[in-house]
Amino acid sequence: MSTIFQIANGETQGSWIIDDFHRLESGVQEKIANLIKVAAEDFDKALHPKLVLIGINKVGSELIFLVHDIAKRCGIHKISPGDFNTISLMIERGEEKLGMVFGDKEAIFAETAGDYWLTQLTCQSICLSHDVLETLDAH
């Protein structure tokens, strides 16, 4: 049985990040939402897993639809785009790890509008187009 079903059935403890929550079947989503609700109400936090759900679009409102009283127990957070300094720092850290330098961070930022995932994808595409497939020995 996969871990996601073990979590949904309350069979496992620990801290978990569930990415692409919106892609799970609605029955699994509902089980997880109910688990979150119960965990938020229980004083003994060790009895329940700690969950962070990552989804696209309106996952938060879908959870409220599935379990209407979950809204007052859990937070919904939207990831805002990064500003130029934050995105530049992210690119620079990638440059350090790869042993290379991207020529025009301003153009990357302008193209991606501060979207973290799109920035990573753009940098990856730039690397692939220059045959950078692994960490370089020299810049």
N, C-alpha and C. Protein backbone atom coordinates (compact mmCIF):
# COMPACT_ATOMS: atom_id res chain seq x y z
N MET A 1 0.85 -1.17 0.00
CA MET A 1 0.00 0.00 0.00
C MET A 1 0.90 1.24 0.00
N SER A 2 0.56 2.24 -0.82
CA SER A 2 1.41 3.42 -0.90
C SER A 2 1.27 4.28 0.36
N THR A 3 2.28 5.07 0.61
CA THR A 3 2.32 5.91 1.80
C THR A 3 1.13 6.87 1.84
N ILE A 4 0.74 7.40 0.70
CA ILE A 4 -0.37 8.36 0.67
C ILE A 4 -1.65 7.73 1.20
N PHE A 5 -1.88 6.47 0.89
CA PHE A 5 -3.08 5.78 1.38
C PHE A 5 -2.93 5.46 2.86
N GLN A 6 -1.72 5.15 3.30
CA GLN A 6 -1.49 4.94 4.73
C GLN A 6 -1.77 6.22 5.51
N ILE A 7 -1.33 7.35 4.96
CA ILE A 7 -1.61 8.64 5.61
C ILE A 7 -3.11 8.88 5.65
N ALA A 8 -3.78 8.72 4.51
CA ALA A 8 -5.22 8.97 4.43
C ALA A 8 -6.00 8.08 5.39
N ASN A 9 -5.52 6.86 5.62
CA ASN A 9 -6.21 5.93 6.51
C ASN A 9 -5.77 6.07 7.96
N GLY A 10 -4.92 7.06 8.25
CA GLY A 10 -4.48 7.30 9.62
C GLY A 10 -3.55 6.22 10.15
N GLU A 11 -2.83 5.54 9.26
CA GLU A 11 -1.98 4.41 9.65
C GLU A 11 -0.52 4.79 9.85
N THR A 12 -0.18 6.06 9.67
CA THR A 12 1.22 6.45 9.80
C THR A 12 1.32 7.80 10.51
N GLN A 13 2.44 8.01 11.17
CA GLN A 13 2.70 9.25 11.89
C GLN A 13 3.83 10.00 11.20
N GLY A 14 4.24 11.12 11.79
CA GLY A 14 5.35 11.88 11.24
C GLY A 14 4.88 13.13 10.52
N SER A 15 5.81 13.77 9.87
CA SER A 15 5.52 14.99 9.12
C SER A 15 5.62 14.67 7.63
N TRP A 16 4.63 15.13 6.87
CA TRP A 16 4.55 14.80 5.46
C TRP A 16 4.17 16.03 4.64
N ILE A 17 4.76 16.14 3.48
CA ILE A 17 4.37 17.15 2.50
C ILE A 17 3.72 16.39 1.35
N ILE A 18 2.48 16.74 1.05
CA ILE A 18 1.77 16.08 -0.03
C ILE A 18 1.65 17.08 -1.18
N ASP A 19 2.44 16.83 -2.21
CA ASP A 19 2.43 17.69 -3.39
C ASP A 19 1.37 17.19 -4.36
N ASP A 20 0.86 18.09 -5.18
CA ASP A 20 -0.17 17.76 -6.17
C ASP A 20 -1.41 17.18 -5.52
N PHE A 21 -1.76 17.70 -4.36
CA PHE A 21 -2.95 17.24 -3.63
C PHE A 21 -4.19 17.26 -4.52
N HIS A 22 -4.27 18.26 -5.38
CA HIS A 22 -5.44 18.41 -6.26
C HIS A 22 -5.61 17.24 -7.22
N ARG A 23 -4.57 16.44 -7.41
CA ARG A 23 -4.64 15.33 -8.35
C ARG A 23 -5.12 14.03 -7.71
N LEU A 24 -5.21 14.01 -6.38
CA LEU A 24 -5.69 12.81 -5.70
C LEU A 24 -7.19 12.64 -5.93
N GLU A 25 -7.65 11.41 -5.87
CA GLU A 25 -9.08 11.15 -5.98
C GLU A 25 -9.80 11.84 -4.82
N SER A 26 -11.03 12.28 -5.07
CA SER A 26 -11.75 13.06 -4.07
C SER A 26 -11.95 12.28 -2.77
N GLY A 27 -12.09 10.96 -2.84
CA GLY A 27 -12.24 10.17 -1.62
C GLY A 27 -11.00 10.22 -0.74
N VAL A 28 -9.82 10.19 -1.37
CA VAL A 28 -8.56 10.28 -0.64
C VAL A 28 -8.40 11.70 -0.10
N GLN A 29 -8.75 12.71 -0.90
CA GLN A 29 -8.70 14.09 -0.42
C GLN A 29 -9.57 14.26 0.82
N GLU A 30 -10.76 13.70 0.76
CA GLU A 30 -11.70 13.85 1.89
C GLU A 30 -11.16 13.18 3.15
N LYS A 31 -10.59 11.99 3.01
CA LYS A 31 -10.00 11.31 4.17
C LYS A 31 -8.90 12.15 4.79
N ILE A 32 -8.04 12.70 3.94
CA ILE A 32 -6.93 13.51 4.44
C ILE A 32 -7.46 14.79 5.09
N ALA A 33 -8.47 15.40 4.49
CA ALA A 33 -9.06 16.61 5.07
C ALA A 33 -9.66 16.31 6.44
N ASN A 34 -10.34 15.20 6.57
CA ASN A 34 -10.90 14.82 7.87
C ASN A 34 -9.80 14.54 8.89
N LEU A 35 -8.72 13.94 8.44
CA LEU A 35 -7.59 13.69 9.32
C LEU A 35 -7.00 15.01 9.82
N ILE A 36 -6.88 15.98 8.93
CA ILE A 36 -6.36 17.30 9.32
C ILE A 36 -7.28 17.94 10.35
N LYS A 37 -8.56 17.85 10.12
CA LYS A 37 -9.54 18.43 11.05
C LYS A 37 -9.41 17.80 12.43
N VAL A 38 -9.35 16.48 12.49
CA VAL A 38 -9.23 15.79 13.77
C VAL A 38 -7.91 16.14 14.45
N ALA A 39 -6.84 16.18 13.67
CA ALA A 39 -5.53 16.52 14.23
C ALA A 39 -5.51 17.93 14.80
N ALA A 40 -6.22 18.85 14.16
CA ALA A 40 -6.26 20.23 14.63
C ALA A 40 -7.04 20.35 15.94
N GLU A 41 -7.98 19.46 16.17
CA GLU A 41 -8.81 19.51 17.38
C GLU A 41 -8.19 18.75 18.55
N ASP A 42 -7.32 17.79 18.28
CA ASP A 42 -6.77 16.92 19.31
C ASP A 42 -5.61 17.59 20.02
N PHE A 43 -5.63 17.54 21.35
CA PHE A 43 -4.56 18.14 22.13
C PHE A 43 -3.28 17.31 22.09
N ASP A 44 -3.42 16.01 21.85
CA ASP A 44 -2.25 15.14 21.79
C ASP A 44 -1.78 15.05 20.34
N LYS A 45 -0.96 16.00 19.93
CA LYS A 45 -0.52 16.11 18.54
C LYS A 45 0.31 14.90 18.09
N ALA A 46 0.87 14.14 19.03
CA ALA A 46 1.70 12.99 18.67
C ALA A 46 0.86 11.86 18.06
N LEU A 47 -0.44 11.92 18.22
CA LEU A 47 -1.30 10.86 17.69
C LEU A 47 -1.59 10.99 16.20
N HIS A 48 -1.26 12.13 15.63
CA HIS A 48 -1.62 12.41 14.23
C HIS A 48 -0.42 12.91 13.44
N PRO A 49 -0.42 12.63 12.15
CA PRO A 49 0.66 13.17 11.33
C PRO A 49 0.49 14.67 11.13
N LYS A 50 1.59 15.36 10.91
CA LYS A 50 1.55 16.77 10.55
C LYS A 50 1.63 16.83 9.03
N LEU A 51 0.68 17.52 8.41
CA LEU A 51 0.58 17.52 6.96
C LEU A 51 0.65 18.93 6.38
N VAL A 52 1.40 19.05 5.31
CA VAL A 52 1.41 20.26 4.50
C VAL A 52 0.93 19.83 3.12
N LEU A 53 -0.15 20.44 2.65
CA LEU A 53 -0.71 20.09 1.36
C LEU A 53 -0.33 21.15 0.35
N ILE A 54 0.18 20.72 -0.79
CA ILE A 54 0.53 21.64 -1.85
C ILE A 54 -0.32 21.29 -3.05
N GLY A 55 -1.02 22.28 -3.55
CA GLY A 55 -1.89 22.03 -4.69
C GLY A 55 -1.95 23.24 -5.59
N ILE A 56 -2.68 23.10 -6.64
CA ILE A 56 -2.82 24.16 -7.62
C ILE A 56 -4.26 24.64 -7.62
N ASN A 57 -4.44 25.88 -7.96
CA ASN A 57 -5.76 26.50 -8.10
C ASN A 57 -6.45 26.63 -6.75
N LYS A 58 -7.59 26.02 -6.60
CA LYS A 58 -8.43 26.28 -5.44
C LYS A 58 -8.51 25.09 -4.51
N VAL A 59 -7.36 24.49 -4.18
CA VAL A 59 -7.35 23.34 -3.29
C VAL A 59 -7.97 23.69 -1.96
N GLY A 60 -7.67 24.89 -1.44
CA GLY A 60 -8.21 25.30 -0.15
C GLY A 60 -9.72 25.31 -0.14
N SER A 61 -10.32 25.85 -1.18
CA SER A 61 -11.78 25.88 -1.22
C SER A 61 -12.36 24.49 -1.43
N GLU A 62 -11.62 23.62 -2.13
CA GLU A 62 -12.07 22.23 -2.28
C GLU A 62 -12.08 21.53 -0.93
N LEU A 63 -11.06 21.79 -0.11
CA LEU A 63 -11.04 21.20 1.23
C LEU A 63 -12.22 21.66 2.05
N ILE A 64 -12.53 22.95 1.96
CA ILE A 64 -13.67 23.49 2.72
C ILE A 64 -14.96 22.86 2.23
N PHE A 65 -15.05 22.60 0.94
CA PHE A 65 -16.23 21.93 0.39
C PHE A 65 -16.33 20.49 0.92
N LEU A 66 -15.19 19.80 0.96
CA LEU A 66 -15.19 18.42 1.44
C LEU A 66 -15.48 18.32 2.94
N VAL A 67 -14.87 19.19 3.72
CA VAL A 67 -15.03 19.20 5.17
C VAL A 67 -15.27 20.64 5.58
N HIS A 68 -16.54 21.02 5.64
CA HIS A 68 -16.90 22.44 5.75
C HIS A 68 -16.32 23.17 6.95
N ASP A 69 -16.10 22.50 8.07
CA ASP A 69 -15.60 23.21 9.25
C ASP A 69 -14.08 23.16 9.40
N ILE A 70 -13.38 22.84 8.34
CA ILE A 70 -11.92 22.81 8.40
C ILE A 70 -11.31 24.21 8.30
N ALA A 71 -12.06 25.15 7.73
CA ALA A 71 -11.52 26.49 7.45
C ALA A 71 -11.01 27.19 8.70
N LYS A 72 -11.70 27.04 9.82
CA LYS A 72 -11.26 27.75 11.04
C LYS A 72 -10.11 27.06 11.74
N ARG A 73 -9.71 25.89 11.27
CA ARG A 73 -8.65 25.12 11.91
C ARG A 73 -7.32 25.14 11.16
N CYS A 74 -7.35 25.47 9.90
CA CYS A 74 -6.15 25.36 9.06
C CYS A 74 -5.95 26.63 8.25
N GLY A 75 -4.72 26.88 7.88
CA GLY A 75 -4.42 28.06 7.08
C GLY A 75 -4.21 27.70 5.62
N ILE A 76 -4.56 28.62 4.76
CA ILE A 76 -4.33 28.48 3.32
C ILE A 76 -3.37 29.59 2.93
N HIS A 77 -2.27 29.23 2.32
CA HIS A 77 -1.24 30.20 1.99
C HIS A 77 -0.94 30.16 0.50
N LYS A 78 -0.91 31.30 -0.09
CA LYS A 78 -0.57 31.41 -1.51
C LYS A 78 0.89 31.86 -1.60
N ILE A 79 1.62 31.23 -2.49
CA ILE A 79 3.01 31.61 -2.70
C ILE A 79 3.04 32.75 -3.72
N SER A 80 3.48 33.90 -3.26
CA SER A 80 3.58 35.07 -4.13
C SER A 80 4.86 34.99 -4.95
N PRO A 81 4.88 35.63 -6.10
CA PRO A 81 6.12 35.65 -6.90
C PRO A 81 7.24 36.33 -6.13
N GLY A 82 8.46 35.93 -6.44
CA GLY A 82 9.63 36.55 -5.82
C GLY A 82 9.97 37.87 -6.48
N ASP A 83 10.59 38.75 -5.71
CA ASP A 83 11.07 40.00 -6.29
C ASP A 83 12.42 39.74 -6.97
N PHE A 84 12.94 40.74 -7.64
CA PHE A 84 14.18 40.55 -8.40
C PHE A 84 15.33 40.06 -7.51
N ASN A 85 15.47 40.64 -6.32
CA ASN A 85 16.58 40.25 -5.44
C ASN A 85 16.46 38.79 -5.01
N THR A 86 15.27 38.34 -4.68
CA THR A 86 15.05 36.96 -4.25
C THR A 86 15.33 35.99 -5.39
N ILE A 87 14.82 36.30 -6.57
CA ILE A 87 15.02 35.44 -7.73
C ILE A 87 16.50 35.42 -8.12
N SER A 88 17.15 36.57 -8.07
CA SER A 88 18.59 36.63 -8.38
C SER A 88 19.39 35.76 -7.42
N LEU A 89 19.04 35.82 -6.14
CA LEU A 89 19.72 35.00 -5.14
C LEU A 89 19.51 33.51 -5.44
N MET A 90 18.30 33.14 -5.82
CA MET A 90 18.02 31.75 -6.16
C MET A 90 18.88 31.31 -7.35
N ILE A 91 18.95 32.16 -8.37
CA ILE A 91 19.76 31.85 -9.55
C ILE A 91 21.23 31.75 -9.17
N GLU A 92 21.72 32.68 -8.34
CA GLU A 92 23.12 32.67 -7.92
C GLU A 92 23.47 31.40 -7.15
N ARG A 93 22.56 30.93 -6.32
CA ARG A 93 22.82 29.68 -5.59
C ARG A 93 22.92 28.51 -6.56
N GLY A 94 22.10 28.51 -7.58
CA GLY A 94 22.19 27.48 -8.62
C GLY A 94 23.50 27.58 -9.37
N GLU A 95 23.92 28.81 -9.67
CA GLU A 95 25.20 29.02 -10.36
C GLU A 95 26.35 28.44 -9.54
N GLU A 96 26.33 28.70 -8.23
CA GLU A 96 27.39 28.19 -7.35
C GLU A 96 27.43 26.67 -7.37
N LYS A 97 26.27 26.05 -7.31
CA LYS A 97 26.20 24.58 -7.29
C LYS A 97 26.63 23.98 -8.62
N LEU A 98 26.32 24.66 -9.72
CA LEU A 98 26.64 24.14 -11.04
C LEU A 98 28.03 24.53 -11.53
N GLY A 99 28.63 25.54 -10.90
CA GLY A 99 29.94 26.01 -11.35
C GLY A 99 29.83 26.78 -12.66
N MET A 100 28.76 27.57 -12.80
CA MET A 100 28.55 28.33 -14.03
C MET A 100 27.90 29.67 -13.69
N VAL A 101 27.77 30.52 -14.70
CA VAL A 101 27.15 31.83 -14.51
C VAL A 101 26.14 32.06 -15.63
N PHE A 102 24.94 32.46 -15.25
CA PHE A 102 23.93 32.85 -16.24
C PHE A 102 24.21 34.30 -16.62
N GLY A 103 24.19 34.60 -17.90
CA GLY A 103 24.59 35.90 -18.38
C GLY A 103 23.65 37.05 -18.05
N ASP A 104 22.35 36.83 -18.07
CA ASP A 104 21.42 37.95 -17.95
C ASP A 104 20.26 37.60 -17.01
N LYS A 105 20.51 37.79 -15.72
CA LYS A 105 19.48 37.48 -14.72
C LYS A 105 18.26 38.38 -14.88
N GLU A 106 18.48 39.61 -15.33
CA GLU A 106 17.36 40.54 -15.54
C GLU A 106 16.39 39.99 -16.58
N ALA A 107 16.94 39.41 -17.65
CA ALA A 107 16.09 38.84 -18.71
C ALA A 107 15.33 37.62 -18.19
N ILE A 108 15.99 36.81 -17.37
CA ILE A 108 15.32 35.64 -16.80
C ILE A 108 14.17 36.11 -15.91
N PHE A 109 14.44 37.10 -15.07
CA PHE A 109 13.40 37.62 -14.19
C PHE A 109 12.25 38.22 -14.99
N ALA A 110 12.56 38.98 -16.02
CA ALA A 110 11.52 39.59 -16.84
C ALA A 110 10.65 38.53 -17.51
N GLU A 111 11.29 37.46 -17.95
CA GLU A 111 10.56 36.39 -18.64
C GLU A 111 9.68 35.59 -17.69
N THR A 112 10.14 35.37 -16.46
CA THR A 112 9.42 34.50 -15.52
C THR A 112 8.53 35.26 -14.55
N ALA A 113 8.66 36.58 -14.51
CA ALA A 113 7.84 37.43 -13.62
C ALA A 113 7.92 36.99 -12.16
N GLY A 114 9.07 36.45 -11.76
CA GLY A 114 9.27 36.09 -10.37
C GLY A 114 8.69 34.75 -9.96
N ASP A 115 8.18 33.99 -10.91
CA ASP A 115 7.63 32.67 -10.61
C ASP A 115 8.80 31.71 -10.33
N TYR A 116 8.83 31.12 -9.13
CA TYR A 116 9.96 30.29 -8.73
C TYR A 116 10.12 29.08 -9.64
N TRP A 117 9.04 28.35 -9.88
CA TRP A 117 9.11 27.15 -10.70
C TRP A 117 9.52 27.49 -12.13
N LEU A 118 8.92 28.55 -12.68
CA LEU A 118 9.25 28.93 -14.05
C LEU A 118 10.71 29.39 -14.16
N THR A 119 11.21 30.05 -13.12
CA THR A 119 12.62 30.45 -13.11
C THR A 119 13.52 29.22 -13.14
N GLN A 120 13.21 28.23 -12.33
CA GLN A 120 14.00 27.00 -12.33
C GLN A 120 13.95 26.31 -13.69
N LEU A 121 12.77 26.24 -14.27
CA LEU A 121 12.61 25.61 -15.57
C LEU A 121 13.37 26.36 -16.66
N THR A 122 13.31 27.69 -16.60
CA THR A 122 14.03 28.51 -17.58
C THR A 122 15.53 28.30 -17.45
N CYS A 123 16.04 28.30 -16.21
CA CYS A 123 17.47 28.07 -16.01
C CYS A 123 17.87 26.67 -16.48
N GLN A 124 17.02 25.70 -16.23
CA GLN A 124 17.31 24.35 -16.70
C GLN A 124 17.35 24.31 -18.23
N SER A 125 16.43 24.99 -18.87
CA SER A 125 16.41 25.04 -20.34
C SER A 125 17.66 25.70 -20.89
N ILE A 126 18.09 26.77 -20.23
CA ILE A 126 19.33 27.44 -20.65
C ILE A 126 20.51 26.47 -20.53
N CYS A 127 20.57 25.75 -19.42
CA CYS A 127 21.66 24.77 -19.24
C CYS A 127 21.61 23.71 -20.32
N LEU A 128 20.44 23.17 -20.58
CA LEU A 128 20.32 22.11 -21.59
C LEU A 128 20.71 22.61 -22.97
N SER A 129 20.34 23.84 -23.28
CA SER A 129 20.67 24.37 -24.61
C SER A 129 22.17 24.62 -24.77
N HIS A 130 22.90 24.66 -23.66
CA HIS A 130 24.36 24.83 -23.70
C HIS A 130 25.08 23.55 -23.27
N ASP A 131 24.38 22.43 -23.32
CA ASP A 131 24.94 21.12 -22.98
C ASP A 131 25.54 21.07 -21.58
N VAL A 132 24.96 21.82 -20.65
CA VAL A 132 25.37 21.73 -19.24
C VAL A 132 24.43 20.73 -18.59
N LEU A 133 24.94 19.52 -18.37
CA LEU A 133 24.13 18.42 -17.85
C LEU A 133 24.54 18.00 -16.44
N GLU A 134 25.66 18.55 -15.97
CA GLU A 134 26.14 18.25 -14.62
C GLU A 134 27.04 19.40 -14.17
N THR A 135 27.43 19.36 -12.90
CA THR A 135 28.29 20.41 -12.35
C THR A 135 29.57 20.51 -13.14
N LEU A 136 29.94 21.72 -13.47
CA LEU A 136 31.15 21.97 -14.26
C LEU A 136 32.37 22.11 -13.35
N ASP A 137 33.52 21.72 -13.87
CA ASP A 137 34.76 21.86 -13.11
C ASP A 137 35.23 23.31 -13.08
N ALA A 138 34.95 24.05 -14.15
CA ALA A 138 35.34 25.46 -14.24
C ALA A 138 34.17 26.24 -14.82
N HIS A 139 34.10 27.53 -14.49
CA HIS A 139 33.00 28.37 -15.01
C HIS A 139 33.10 28.50 -16.52
